[in-house]
């Protein structure tokens, strides 16, 4: 099976970018990404179709360039050690991508009542809890 990690990282970055900028979707459409492309991308994400996801994400990037927006599907990584290290045991809760082929995006949270949604597909994220035991 093909490693979907790189393409799913791009989906996660697009999701985060769309969520943080409510006007971006319109700007990308003005830049040339077709309105129906959002539905196609949502279906490709749900189906785990890497070739279609890559083609659509590349089209989003081309529209971003035309709209004068820096890369919206290419994540950046940064490592910073946690101040004071980690405790022996830790529980993390939050929302994660709900799809079979997850993008890896997570919203740390303590309140499961404040449901988050995927900015690409519109689906509700899945509540998770992970223990370090």
Protein backbone atom coordinates (compact mmCIF):
# COMPACT_ATOMS: atom_id res chain seq x y z
CA UNK A 1 0.00 0.00 0.00
CA UNK A 2 1.25 3.47 -0.89
CA UNK A 3 2.40 5.74 1.95
CA UNK A 4 -0.21 8.51 2.08
CA UNK A 5 1.59 10.47 4.81
CA UNK A 6 3.05 13.25 2.60
CA UNK A 7 -0.21 13.94 0.79
CA UNK A 8 -2.24 13.76 4.00
CA UNK A 9 0.11 16.30 5.58
CA UNK A 10 -0.74 18.61 2.71
CA UNK A 11 -4.45 18.02 3.32
CA UNK A 12 -3.95 18.80 7.01
CA UNK A 13 -2.12 22.01 6.17
CA UNK A 14 -4.90 23.07 3.78
CA UNK A 15 -7.50 22.27 6.43
CA UNK A 16 -5.67 24.39 9.02
CA UNK A 17 -5.13 27.23 6.56
CA UNK A 18 -8.77 27.29 5.44
CA UNK A 19 -9.89 27.23 9.06
CA UNK A 20 -7.69 30.17 10.00
CA UNK A 21 -8.66 32.35 7.02
CA UNK A 22 -12.36 32.52 6.20
CA UNK A 23 -11.71 34.41 2.95
CA UNK A 24 -9.10 32.02 1.58
CA UNK A 25 -11.53 29.66 -0.16
CA UNK A 26 -12.95 32.60 -2.16
CA UNK A 27 -9.45 33.89 -2.96
CA UNK A 28 -8.42 30.46 -4.24
CA UNK A 29 -11.49 30.30 -6.45
CA UNK A 30 -10.67 33.78 -7.81
CA UNK A 31 -7.17 32.43 -8.44
CA UNK A 32 -8.59 29.67 -10.61
CA UNK A 33 -9.49 26.74 -8.36
CA UNK A 34 -12.97 25.67 -9.47
CA UNK A 35 -15.80 25.73 -6.92
CA UNK A 36 -16.66 22.10 -7.63
CA UNK A 37 -13.03 21.23 -6.88
CA UNK A 38 -13.80 21.44 -3.14
CA UNK A 39 -16.34 18.62 -3.40
CA UNK A 40 -13.92 16.59 -5.52
CA UNK A 41 -11.16 17.12 -2.96
CA UNK A 42 -13.48 16.13 -0.10
CA UNK A 43 -14.41 12.91 -1.93
CA UNK A 44 -10.76 12.16 -2.73
CA UNK A 45 -9.84 12.61 0.96
CA UNK A 46 -12.66 10.33 2.08
CA UNK A 47 -11.72 7.70 -0.53
CA UNK A 48 -7.98 7.92 0.19
CA UNK A 49 -7.21 8.48 -3.52
CA UNK A 50 -3.62 9.78 -3.53
CA UNK A 51 -3.37 10.61 -7.23
CA UNK A 52 -6.58 12.64 -7.21
CA UNK A 53 -5.66 14.33 -3.91
CA UNK A 54 -2.24 15.31 -5.29
CA UNK A 55 -3.74 16.67 -8.52
CA UNK A 56 -6.31 18.72 -6.62
CA UNK A 57 -3.83 19.95 -4.01
CA UNK A 58 -1.48 20.99 -6.82
CA UNK A 59 -4.40 22.87 -8.42
CA UNK A 60 -5.03 24.59 -5.06
CA UNK A 61 -1.35 25.62 -4.95
CA UNK A 62 -1.51 26.98 -8.51
CA UNK A 63 -4.60 29.00 -7.58
CA UNK A 64 -2.78 30.25 -4.47
CA UNK A 65 0.14 31.46 -6.58
CA UNK A 66 -2.29 33.21 -8.95
CA UNK A 67 -4.01 34.81 -5.94
CA UNK A 68 -0.69 35.94 -4.47
CA UNK A 69 -0.92 33.64 -1.45
CA UNK A 70 2.03 31.62 -0.17
CA UNK A 71 1.79 27.82 -0.15
CA UNK A 72 -1.38 26.70 1.54
CA UNK A 73 -0.83 22.94 1.30
CA UNK A 74 2.83 22.60 2.29
CA UNK A 75 3.32 22.29 6.05
CA UNK A 76 6.36 23.52 7.88
CA UNK A 77 7.91 21.68 10.80
CA UNK A 78 9.50 23.06 13.88
CA UNK A 79 10.86 21.34 16.97
CA UNK A 80 10.94 22.99 20.37
CA UNK A 81 11.55 21.00 23.54
CA UNK A 82 8.82 21.31 26.13
CA UNK A 83 9.83 23.54 29.04
CA UNK A 84 10.51 21.41 32.08
CA UNK A 85 10.22 18.14 30.14
CA UNK A 86 7.26 15.76 30.43
CA UNK A 87 5.59 14.28 33.51
CA UNK A 88 5.70 10.51 33.98
CA UNK A 89 2.08 10.12 32.88
CA UNK A 90 0.12 12.33 30.59
CA UNK A 91 -3.31 12.18 29.00
CA UNK A 92 -4.02 14.18 25.87
CA UNK A 93 -7.55 14.80 24.59
CA UNK A 94 -8.81 16.56 21.52
CA UNK A 95 -10.22 16.32 18.03
CA UNK A 96 -8.65 14.53 15.07
CA UNK A 97 -9.38 14.06 11.40
CA UNK A 98 -12.37 11.69 11.04
CA UNK A 99 -11.43 10.07 7.75
CA UNK A 100 -10.08 6.60 7.14
CA UNK A 101 -6.98 8.17 5.59
CA UNK A 102 -6.36 10.82 8.24
CA UNK A 103 -4.35 13.96 7.54
CA UNK A 104 -2.82 13.88 11.03
CA UNK A 105 -4.30 17.18 12.13
CA UNK A 106 -5.24 17.36 15.81
CA UNK A 107 -6.92 20.07 17.91
CA UNK A 108 -5.89 19.55 21.55
CA UNK A 109 -8.93 20.27 23.72
CA UNK A 110 -10.49 19.38 27.05
CA UNK A 111 -14.15 19.96 26.15
CA UNK A 112 -15.74 17.30 23.92
CA UNK A 113 -18.84 19.47 23.67
CA UNK A 114 -17.17 22.02 21.38
CA UNK A 115 -17.17 19.89 18.20
CA UNK A 116 -14.59 20.88 15.58
CA UNK A 117 -15.03 20.34 11.83
CA UNK A 118 -12.75 19.65 8.91
CA UNK A 119 -12.39 22.78 6.80
CA UNK A 120 -11.85 20.67 3.66
CA UNK A 121 -14.76 18.21 3.89
CA UNK A 122 -17.03 19.86 6.47
CA UNK A 123 -17.20 16.61 8.46
CA UNK A 124 -17.13 16.67 12.26
CA UNK A 125 -13.76 15.75 13.72
CA UNK A 126 -13.47 12.69 15.99
CA UNK A 127 -12.93 13.08 19.76
CA UNK A 128 -9.88 11.16 21.01
CA UNK A 129 -8.03 10.55 24.24
CA UNK A 130 -4.48 9.20 24.34
CA UNK A 131 -2.63 8.13 27.48
CA UNK A 132 1.17 7.97 27.75
CA UNK A 133 1.04 4.73 29.74
